[in-house]
């Protein structure tokens, strides 16, 4: 099995796992793995593949996580909901 196929399977599994969790957290790892799969398919070394995985995952965390929390009502709203449920 080629490296690109391994990355692709890992990416698809992580994205599928995200569908059953409400966190919108795992998807960034899945997107990073799919990007690393593209790098592997283009013949780049494992170092470049890992770098692509890391960069795409971090970009997702930094930029898209903020946007997703905003769409869900913000982190403060979620924290209030969790706090009110604990009482």
PDB file of N, CA and C in Angstrom:
ATOM      1  N   UNK A   1       0.862  -1.170   0.000  1.00  0.00           N
ATOM      2  CA  UNK A   1       0.000   0.000   0.000  1.00  0.00           C
ATOM      3  C   UNK A   1       0.906   1.229   0.000  1.00  0.00           C
ATOM      4  N   UNK A   2       0.610   2.161  -0.894  1.00  0.00           N
ATOM      5  CA  UNK A   2       1.414   3.366  -0.998  1.00  0.00           C
ATOM      6  C   UNK A   2       1.133   4.344   0.128  1.00  0.00           C
ATOM      7  N   UNK A   3       2.058   5.262   0.304  1.00  0.00           N
ATOM      8  CA  UNK A   3       1.904   6.270   1.359  1.00  0.00           C
ATOM      9  C   UNK A   3       0.683   7.148   1.098  1.00  0.00           C
ATOM     10  N   UNK A   4       0.433   7.461  -0.174  1.00  0.00           N
ATOM     11  CA  UNK A   4      -0.705   8.328  -0.476  1.00  0.00           C
ATOM     12  C   UNK A   4      -2.021   7.651  -0.097  1.00  0.00           C
ATOM     13  N   UNK A   5      -2.097   6.338  -0.299  1.00  0.00           N
ATOM     14  CA  UNK A   5      -3.315   5.609   0.046  1.00  0.00           C
ATOM     15  C   UNK A   5      -3.493   5.523   1.563  1.00  0.00           C
ATOM     16  N   UNK A   6      -2.397   5.349   2.276  1.00  0.00           N
ATOM     17  CA  UNK A   6      -2.454   5.322   3.739  1.00  0.00           C
ATOM     18  C   UNK A   6      -2.961   6.653   4.282  1.00  0.00           C
ATOM     19  N   UNK A   7      -2.398   7.760   3.769  1.00  0.00           N
ATOM     20  CA  UNK A   7      -2.850   9.084   4.193  1.00  0.00           C
ATOM     21  C   UNK A   7      -4.322   9.305   3.834  1.00  0.00           C
ATOM     22  N   UNK A   8      -4.720   8.873   2.639  1.00  0.00           N
ATOM     23  CA  UNK A   8      -6.101   9.071   2.195  1.00  0.00           C
ATOM     24  C   UNK A   8      -7.085   8.293   3.072  1.00  0.00           C
ATOM     25  N   UNK A   9      -6.747   7.046   3.387  1.00  0.00           N
ATOM     26  CA  UNK A   9      -7.622   6.245   4.247  1.00  0.00           C
ATOM     27  C   UNK A   9      -7.712   6.867   5.633  1.00  0.00           C
ATOM     28  N   UNK A  10      -6.569   7.290   6.173  1.00  0.00           N
ATOM     29  CA  UNK A  10      -6.568   7.937   7.488  1.00  0.00           C
ATOM     30  C   UNK A  10      -7.425   9.206   7.465  1.00  0.00           C
ATOM     31  N   UNK A  11      -7.266  10.007   6.426  1.00  0.00           N
ATOM     32  CA  UNK A  11      -8.051  11.239   6.312  1.00  0.00           C
ATOM     33  C   UNK A  11      -9.534  10.972   6.238  1.00  0.00           C
ATOM     34  N   UNK A  12      -9.926  10.014   5.432  1.00  0.00           N
ATOM     35  CA  UNK A  12     -11.349   9.700   5.305  1.00  0.00           C
ATOM     36  C   UNK A  12     -11.917   9.112   6.587  1.00  0.00           C
ATOM     37  N   UNK A  13     -11.140   8.300   7.277  1.00  0.00           N
ATOM     38  CA  UNK A  13     -11.593   7.753   8.565  1.00  0.00           C
ATOM     39  C   UNK A  13     -11.784   8.857   9.604  1.00  0.00           C
ATOM     40  N   UNK A  14     -10.852   9.800   9.635  1.00  0.00           N
ATOM     41  CA  UNK A  14     -10.970  10.894  10.599  1.00  0.00           C
ATOM     42  C   UNK A  14     -12.167  11.793  10.284  1.00  0.00           C
ATOM     43  N   UNK A  15     -12.403  12.041   9.009  1.00  0.00           N
ATOM     44  CA  UNK A  15     -13.562  12.852   8.635  1.00  0.00           C
ATOM     45  C   UNK A  15     -14.850  12.103   8.953  1.00  0.00           C
ATOM     46  N   UNK A  16     -14.877  10.797   8.722  1.00  0.00           N
ATOM     47  CA  UNK A  16     -16.056   9.993   9.077  1.00  0.00           C
ATOM     48  C   UNK A  16     -16.273   9.993  10.588  1.00  0.00           C
ATOM     49  N   UNK A  17     -15.193   9.932  11.350  1.00  0.00           N
ATOM     50  CA  UNK A  17     -15.307   9.971  12.810  1.00  0.00           C
ATOM     51  C   UNK A  17     -15.884  11.315  13.266  1.00  0.00           C
ATOM     52  N   UNK A  18     -15.545  12.366  12.567  1.00  0.00           N
ATOM     53  CA  UNK A  18     -16.069  13.689  12.904  1.00  0.00           C
ATOM     54  C   UNK A  18     -17.585  13.734  12.754  1.00  0.00           C
ATOM     55  N   UNK A  19     -18.114  12.960  11.843  1.00  0.00           N
ATOM     56  CA  UNK A  19     -19.561  12.952  11.627  1.00  0.00           C
ATOM     57  C   UNK A  19     -20.332  12.425  12.823  1.00  0.00           C
ATOM     58  N   UNK A  20     -19.694  11.625  13.672  1.00  0.00           N
ATOM     59  CA  UNK A  20     -20.388  11.072  14.837  1.00  0.00           C
ATOM     60  C   UNK A  20     -20.027  11.799  16.131  1.00  0.00           C
ATOM     61  N   UNK A  21     -19.163  12.812  16.035  1.00  0.00           N
ATOM     62  CA  UNK A  21     -18.829  13.612  17.216  1.00  0.00           C
ATOM     63  C   UNK A  21     -19.271  15.048  16.989  1.00  0.00           C
ATOM     64  N   UNK A  22     -19.767  15.719  17.991  1.00  0.00           N
ATOM     65  CA  UNK A  22     -20.247  17.088  17.811  1.00  0.00           C
ATOM     66  C   UNK A  22     -19.171  18.161  18.010  1.00  0.00           C
ATOM     67  N   UNK A  23     -17.913  17.786  18.025  1.00  0.00           N
ATOM     68  CA  UNK A  23     -16.876  18.720  18.454  1.00  0.00           C
ATOM     69  C   UNK A  23     -16.332  19.632  17.367  1.00  0.00           C
ATOM     70  N   UNK A  24     -16.427  19.259  16.097  1.00  0.00           N
ATOM     71  CA  UNK A  24     -15.812  19.994  14.985  1.00  0.00           C
ATOM     72  C   UNK A  24     -14.330  20.205  15.280  1.00  0.00           C
ATOM     73  N   UNK A  25     -13.672  19.125  15.658  1.00  0.00           N
ATOM     74  CA  UNK A  25     -12.268  19.163  16.065  1.00  0.00           C
ATOM     75  C   UNK A  25     -11.434  18.182  15.254  1.00  0.00           C
ATOM     76  N   UNK A  26     -11.941  16.991  15.058  1.00  0.00           N
ATOM     77  CA  UNK A  26     -11.202  15.926  14.392  1.00  0.00           C
ATOM     78  C   UNK A  26     -11.080  16.178  12.891  1.00  0.00           C
ATOM     79  N   UNK A  27     -12.008  16.938  12.347  1.00  0.00           N
ATOM     80  CA  UNK A  27     -12.021  17.163  10.900  1.00  0.00           C
ATOM     81  C   UNK A  27     -10.726  17.809  10.406  1.00  0.00           C
ATOM     82  N   UNK A  28     -10.096  18.620  11.236  1.00  0.00           N
ATOM     83  CA  UNK A  28      -8.867  19.290  10.817  1.00  0.00           C
ATOM     84  C   UNK A  28      -7.729  18.290  10.623  1.00  0.00           C
ATOM     85  N   UNK A  29      -7.695  17.260  11.437  1.00  0.00           N
ATOM     86  CA  UNK A  29      -6.705  16.205  11.245  1.00  0.00           C
ATOM     87  C   UNK A  29      -6.991  15.449   9.949  1.00  0.00           C
ATOM     88  N   UNK A  30      -8.265  15.231   9.665  1.00  0.00           N
ATOM     89  CA  UNK A  30      -8.648  14.551   8.434  1.00  0.00           C
ATOM     90  C   UNK A  30      -8.269  15.342   7.195  1.00  0.00           C
ATOM     91  N   UNK A  31      -8.507  16.647   7.239  1.00  0.00           N
ATOM     92  CA  UNK A  31      -8.136  17.501   6.104  1.00  0.00           C
ATOM     93  C   UNK A  31      -6.621  17.548   5.926  1.00  0.00           C
ATOM     94  N   UNK A  32      -5.899  17.581   7.036  1.00  0.00           N
ATOM     95  CA  UNK A  32      -4.442  17.551   6.963  1.00  0.00           C
ATOM     96  C   UNK A  32      -3.931  16.251   6.365  1.00  0.00           C
ATOM     97  N   UNK A  33      -4.573  15.144   6.723  1.00  0.00           N
ATOM     98  CA  UNK A  33      -4.169  13.846   6.187  1.00  0.00           C
ATOM     99  C   UNK A  33      -4.459  13.757   4.692  1.00  0.00           C
ATOM    100  N   UNK A  34      -5.581  14.325   4.258  1.00  0.00           N
ATOM    101  CA  UNK A  34      -5.877  14.323   2.824  1.00  0.00           C
ATOM    102  C   UNK A  34      -4.890  15.188   2.050  1.00  0.00           C
ATOM    103  N   UNK A  35      -4.488  16.298   2.632  1.00  0.00           N
ATOM    104  CA  UNK A  35      -3.474  17.141   1.984  1.00  0.00           C
ATOM    105  C   UNK A  35      -2.130  16.414   1.929  1.00  0.00           C
ATOM    106  N   UNK A  36      -1.787  15.692   2.981  1.00  0.00           N
ATOM    107  CA  UNK A  36      -0.551  14.907   2.987  1.00  0.00           C
ATOM    108  C   UNK A  36      -0.624  13.787   1.960  1.00  0.00           C
ATOM    109  N   UNK A  37      -1.820  13.260   1.745  1.00  0.00           N
ATOM    110  CA  UNK A  37      -2.011  12.240   0.723  1.00  0.00           C
ATOM    111  C   UNK A  37      -1.705  12.804  -0.661  1.00  0.00           C
ATOM    112  N   UNK A  38      -2.130  14.027  -0.906  1.00  0.00           N
ATOM    113  CA  UNK A  38      -1.832  14.673  -2.188  1.00  0.00           C
ATOM    114  C   UNK A  38      -0.325  14.871  -2.348  1.00  0.00           C
ATOM    115  N   UNK A  39       0.345  15.269  -1.266  1.00  0.00           N
ATOM    116  CA  UNK A  39       1.799  15.446  -1.318  1.00  0.00           C
ATOM    117  C   UNK A  39       2.496  14.116  -1.590  1.00  0.00           C
ATOM    118  N   UNK A  40       2.005  13.045  -1.000  1.00  0.00           N
ATOM    119  CA  UNK A  40       2.593  11.722  -1.227  1.00  0.00           C
ATOM    120  C   UNK A  40       2.363  11.266  -2.665  1.00  0.00           C
ATOM    121  N   UNK A  41       1.173  11.552  -3.184  1.00  0.00           N
ATOM    122  CA  UNK A  41       0.867  11.166  -4.561  1.00  0.00           C
ATOM    123  C   UNK A  41       1.748  11.912  -5.555  1.00  0.00           C
ATOM    124  N   UNK A  42       2.171  13.130  -5.193  1.00  0.00           N
ATOM    125  CA  UNK A  42       3.062  13.911  -6.054  1.00  0.00           C
ATOM    126  C   UNK A  42       4.518  13.502  -5.896  1.00  0.00           C
ATOM    127  N   UNK A  43       4.780  12.572  -4.976  1.00  0.00           N
ATOM    128  CA  UNK A  43       6.120  12.023  -4.837  1.00  0.00           C
ATOM    129  C   UNK A  43       7.028  12.726  -3.843  1.00  0.00           C
ATOM    130  N   UNK A  44       6.465  13.553  -2.976  1.00  0.00           N
ATOM    131  CA  UNK A  44       7.286  14.240  -1.978  1.00  0.00           C
ATOM    132  C   UNK A  44       7.700  13.291  -0.863  1.00  0.00           C
ATOM    133  N   UNK A  45       8.759  13.649  -0.173  1.00  0.00           N
ATOM    134  CA  UNK A  45       9.299  12.806   0.899  1.00  0.00           C
ATOM    135  C   UNK A  45       8.368  12.799   2.109  1.00  0.00           C
ATOM    136  N   UNK A  46       8.632  11.880   3.023  1.00  0.00           N
ATOM    137  CA  UNK A  46       7.827  11.777   4.237  1.00  0.00           C
ATOM    138  C   UNK A  46       7.928  13.045   5.075  1.00  0.00           C
ATOM    139  N   UNK A  47       9.084  13.690   5.041  1.00  0.00           N
ATOM    140  CA  UNK A  47       9.239  14.946   5.780  1.00  0.00           C
ATOM    141  C   UNK A  47       8.274  16.001   5.246  1.00  0.00           C
ATOM    142  N   UNK A  48       8.191  16.130   3.936  1.00  0.00           N
ATOM    143  CA  UNK A  48       7.268  17.106   3.329  1.00  0.00           C
ATOM    144  C   UNK A  48       5.826  16.708   3.608  1.00  0.00           C
ATOM    145  N   UNK A  49       5.531  15.428   3.564  1.00  0.00           N
ATOM    146  CA  UNK A  49       4.170  14.968   3.857  1.00  0.00           C
ATOM    147  C   UNK A  49       3.756  15.341   5.276  1.00  0.00           C
ATOM    148  N   UNK A  50       4.659  15.099   6.224  1.00  0.00           N
ATOM    149  CA  UNK A  50       4.367  15.453   7.618  1.00  0.00           C
ATOM    150  C   UNK A  50       4.246  16.956   7.801  1.00  0.00           C
ATOM    151  N   UNK A  51       5.071  17.701   7.096  1.00  0.00           N
ATOM    152  CA  UNK A  51       4.996  19.160   7.169  1.00  0.00           C
ATOM    153  C   UNK A  51       3.665  19.666   6.614  1.00  0.00           C
ATOM    154  N   UNK A  52       3.231  19.117   5.492  1.00  0.00           N
ATOM    155  CA  UNK A  52       1.937  19.494   4.909  1.00  0.00           C
ATOM    156  C   UNK A  52       0.813  19.145   5.872  1.00  0.00           C
ATOM    157  N   UNK A  53       0.868  17.950   6.461  1.00  0.00           N
ATOM    158  CA  UNK A  53      -0.142  17.532   7.434  1.00  0.00           C
ATOM    159  C   UNK A  53      -0.217  18.522   8.590  1.00  0.00           C
ATOM    160  N   UNK A  54       0.940  18.870   9.125  1.00  0.00           N
ATOM    161  CA  UNK A  54       0.995  19.779  10.268  1.00  0.00           C
ATOM    162  C   UNK A  54       0.485  21.175   9.921  1.00  0.00           C
ATOM    163  N   UNK A  55       0.930  21.701   8.801  1.00  0.00           N
ATOM    164  CA  UNK A  55       0.551  23.073   8.416  1.00  0.00           C
ATOM    165  C   UNK A  55      -0.948  23.162   8.139  1.00  0.00           C
ATOM    166  N   UNK A  56      -1.490  22.230   7.385  1.00  0.00           N
ATOM    167  CA  UNK A  56      -2.917  22.270   7.062  1.00  0.00           C
ATOM    168  C   UNK A  56      -3.757  22.090   8.321  1.00  0.00           C
ATOM    169  N   UNK A  57      -3.338  21.203   9.202  1.00  0.00           N
ATOM    170  CA  UNK A  57      -4.072  21.003  10.454  1.00  0.00           C
ATOM    171  C   UNK A  57      -4.041  22.261  11.311  1.00  0.00           C
ATOM    172  N   UNK A  58      -2.886  22.887  11.428  1.00  0.00           N
ATOM    173  CA  UNK A  58      -2.786  24.116  12.229  1.00  0.00           C
ATOM    174  C   UNK A  58      -3.578  25.265  11.620  1.00  0.00           C
ATOM    175  N   UNK A  59      -3.550  25.384  10.309  1.00  0.00           N
ATOM    176  CA  UNK A  59      -4.351  26.424   9.649  1.00  0.00           C
ATOM    177  C   UNK A  59      -5.828  26.204   9.953  1.00  0.00           C
ATOM    178  N   UNK A  60      -6.249  24.959   9.909  1.00  0.00           N
ATOM    179  CA  UNK A  60      -7.637  24.652  10.254  1.00  0.00           C
ATOM    180  C   UNK A  60      -7.980  25.037  11.672  1.00  0.00           C
ATOM    181  N   UNK A  61      -7.090  24.712  12.610  1.00  0.00           N
ATOM    182  CA  UNK A  61      -7.341  25.069  14.004  1.00  0.00           C
ATOM    183  C   UNK A  61      -7.397  26.573  14.203  1.00  0.00           C
ATOM    184  N   UNK A  62      -6.456  27.288  13.620  1.00  0.00           N
ATOM    185  CA  UNK A  62      -6.352  28.726  13.869  1.00  0.00           C
ATOM    186  C   UNK A  62      -7.489  29.497  13.219  1.00  0.00           C
ATOM    187  N   UNK A  63      -7.787  29.193  11.963  1.00  0.00           N
ATOM    188  CA  UNK A  63      -8.752  30.013  11.241  1.00  0.00           C
ATOM    189  C   UNK A  63     -10.164  29.442  11.241  1.00  0.00           C
ATOM    190  N   UNK A  64     -10.318  28.193  10.945  1.00  0.00           N
ATOM    191  CA  UNK A  64     -11.652  27.635  10.794  1.00  0.00           C
ATOM    192  C   UNK A  64     -12.320  27.325  12.125  1.00  0.00           C
ATOM    193  N   UNK A  65     -11.566  26.999  13.141  1.00  0.00           N
ATOM    194  CA  UNK A  65     -12.167  26.709  14.450  1.00  0.00           C
ATOM    195  C   UNK A  65     -12.864  27.949  15.006  1.00  0.00           C
ATOM    196  N   UNK A  66     -12.214  29.105  14.870  1.00  0.00           N
ATOM    197  CA  UNK A  66     -12.846  30.351  15.333  1.00  0.00           C
ATOM    198  C   UNK A  66     -14.167  30.579  14.604  1.00  0.00           C
ATOM    199  N   UNK A  67     -14.148  30.379  13.298  1.00  0.00           N
ATOM    200  CA  UNK A  67     -15.344  30.578  12.497  1.00  0.00           C
ATOM    201  C   UNK A  67     -16.438  29.594  12.896  1.00  0.00           C
ATOM    202  N   UNK A  68     -16.076  28.352  13.119  1.00  0.00           N
ATOM    203  CA  UNK A  68     -17.083  27.357  13.471  1.00  0.00           C
ATOM    204  C   UNK A  68     -17.694  27.629  14.839  1.00  0.00           C
ATOM    205  N   UNK A  69     -16.873  28.064  15.784  1.00  0.00           N
ATOM    206  CA  UNK A  69     -17.425  28.401  17.104  1.00  0.00           C
ATOM    207  C   UNK A  69     -18.351  29.608  17.014  1.00  0.00           C
ATOM    208  N   UNK A  70     -17.996  30.540  16.162  1.00  0.00           N
ATOM    209  CA  UNK A  70     -18.843  31.713  15.967  1.00  0.00           C
ATOM    210  C   UNK A  70     -20.196  31.295  15.393  1.00  0.00           C
ATOM    211  N   UNK A  71     -20.172  30.364  14.456  1.00  0.00           N
ATOM    212  CA  UNK A  71     -21.411  29.890  13.841  1.00  0.00           C
ATOM    213  C   UNK A  71     -22.271  29.109  14.841  1.00  0.00           C
ATOM    214  N   UNK A  72     -21.628  28.471  15.818  1.00  0.00           N
ATOM    215  CA  UNK A  72     -22.352  27.669  16.805  1.00  0.00           C
ATOM    216  C   UNK A  72     -22.780  28.491  18.019  1.00  0.00           C
ATOM    217  N   UNK A  73     -22.510  29.771  18.027  1.00  0.00           N
ATOM    218  CA  UNK A  73     -22.914  30.605  19.147  1.00  0.00           C
ATOM    219  C   UNK A  73     -21.765  31.065  20.002  1.00  0.00           C
ATOM    220  N   UNK A  74     -20.552  30.736  19.644  1.00  0.00           N
ATOM    221  CA  UNK A  74     -19.384  31.212  20.369  1.00  0.00           C
ATOM    222  C   UNK A  74     -19.006  30.336  21.538  1.00  0.00           C
ATOM    223  N   UNK A  75     -17.758  30.433  21.915  1.00  0.00           N
ATOM    224  CA  UNK A  75     -17.237  29.633  23.019  1.00  0.00           C
ATOM    225  C   UNK A  75     -17.881  30.039  24.336  1.00  0.00           C
ATOM    226  N   UNK A  76     -18.155  31.343  24.510  1.00  0.00           N
ATOM    227  CA  UNK A  76     -18.764  31.811  25.750  1.00  0.00           C
ATOM    228  C   UNK A  76     -20.163  31.223  25.921  1.00  0.00           C
ATOM    229  N   UNK A  77     -20.920  31.153  24.832  1.00  0.00           N
ATOM    230  CA  UNK A  77     -22.257  30.572  24.889  1.00  0.00           C
ATOM    231  C   UNK A  77     -22.174  29.096  25.251  1.00  0.00           C
ATOM    232  N   UNK A  78     -21.235  28.395  24.658  1.00  0.00           N
ATOM    233  CA  UNK A  78     -21.084  26.978  24.962  1.00  0.00           C
ATOM    234  C   UNK A  78     -20.664  26.776  26.409  1.00  0.00           C
ATOM    235  N   UNK A  79     -19.780  27.623  26.913  1.00  0.00           N
ATOM    236  CA  UNK A  79     -19.337  27.500  28.301  1.00  0.00           C
ATOM    237  C   UNK A  79     -20.506  27.760  29.250  1.00  0.00           C
ATOM    238  N   UNK A  80     -21.350  28.731  28.941  1.00  0.00           N
ATOM    239  CA  UNK A  80     -22.517  29.007  29.780  1.00  0.00           C
ATOM    240  C   UNK A  80     -23.449  27.809  29.799  1.00  0.00           C
ATOM    241  N   UNK A  81     -23.648  27.183  28.633  1.00  0.00           N
ATOM    242  CA  UNK A  81     -24.532  26.039  28.556  1.00  0.00           C
ATOM    243  C   UNK A  81     -23.985  24.895  29.395  1.00  0.00           C
ATOM    244  N   UNK A  82     -22.703  24.630  29.309  1.00  0.00           N
ATOM    245  CA  UNK A  82     -22.084  23.550  30.088  1.00  0.00           C
ATOM    246  C   UNK A  82     -22.204  23.869  31.569  1.00  0.00           C
ATOM    247  N   UNK A  83     -21.944  25.118  31.962  1.00  0.00           N
ATOM    248  CA  UNK A  83     -22.016  25.509  33.351  1.00  0.00           C
ATOM    249  C   UNK A  83     -23.445  25.358  33.886  1.00  0.00           C
ATOM    250  N   UNK A  84     -24.435  25.764  33.109  1.00  0.00           N
ATOM    251  CA  UNK A  84     -25.802  25.678  33.574  1.00  0.00           C
ATOM    252  C   UNK A  84     -26.264  24.222  33.664  1.00  0.00           C
ATOM    253  N   UNK A  85     -25.709  23.338  32.842  1.00  0.00           N
ATOM    254  CA  UNK A  85     -26.087  21.924  32.880  1.00  0.00           C
ATOM    255  C   UNK A  85     -25.492  21.212  34.078  1.00  0.00           C
ATOM    256  N   UNK A  86     -24.410  21.730  34.643  1.00  0.00           N
ATOM    257  CA  UNK A  86     -23.745  21.073  35.778  1.00  0.00           C
ATOM    258  C   UNK A  86     -24.492  21.301  37.080  1.00  0.00           C
ATOM    259  N   UNK A  87     -25.273  22.318  37.140  1.00  0.00           N
ATOM    260  CA  UNK A  87     -25.974  22.637  38.405  1.00  0.00           C
ATOM    261  C   UNK A  87     -27.104  21.740  38.662  1.00  0.00           C
TER     262      UNK A  87
END
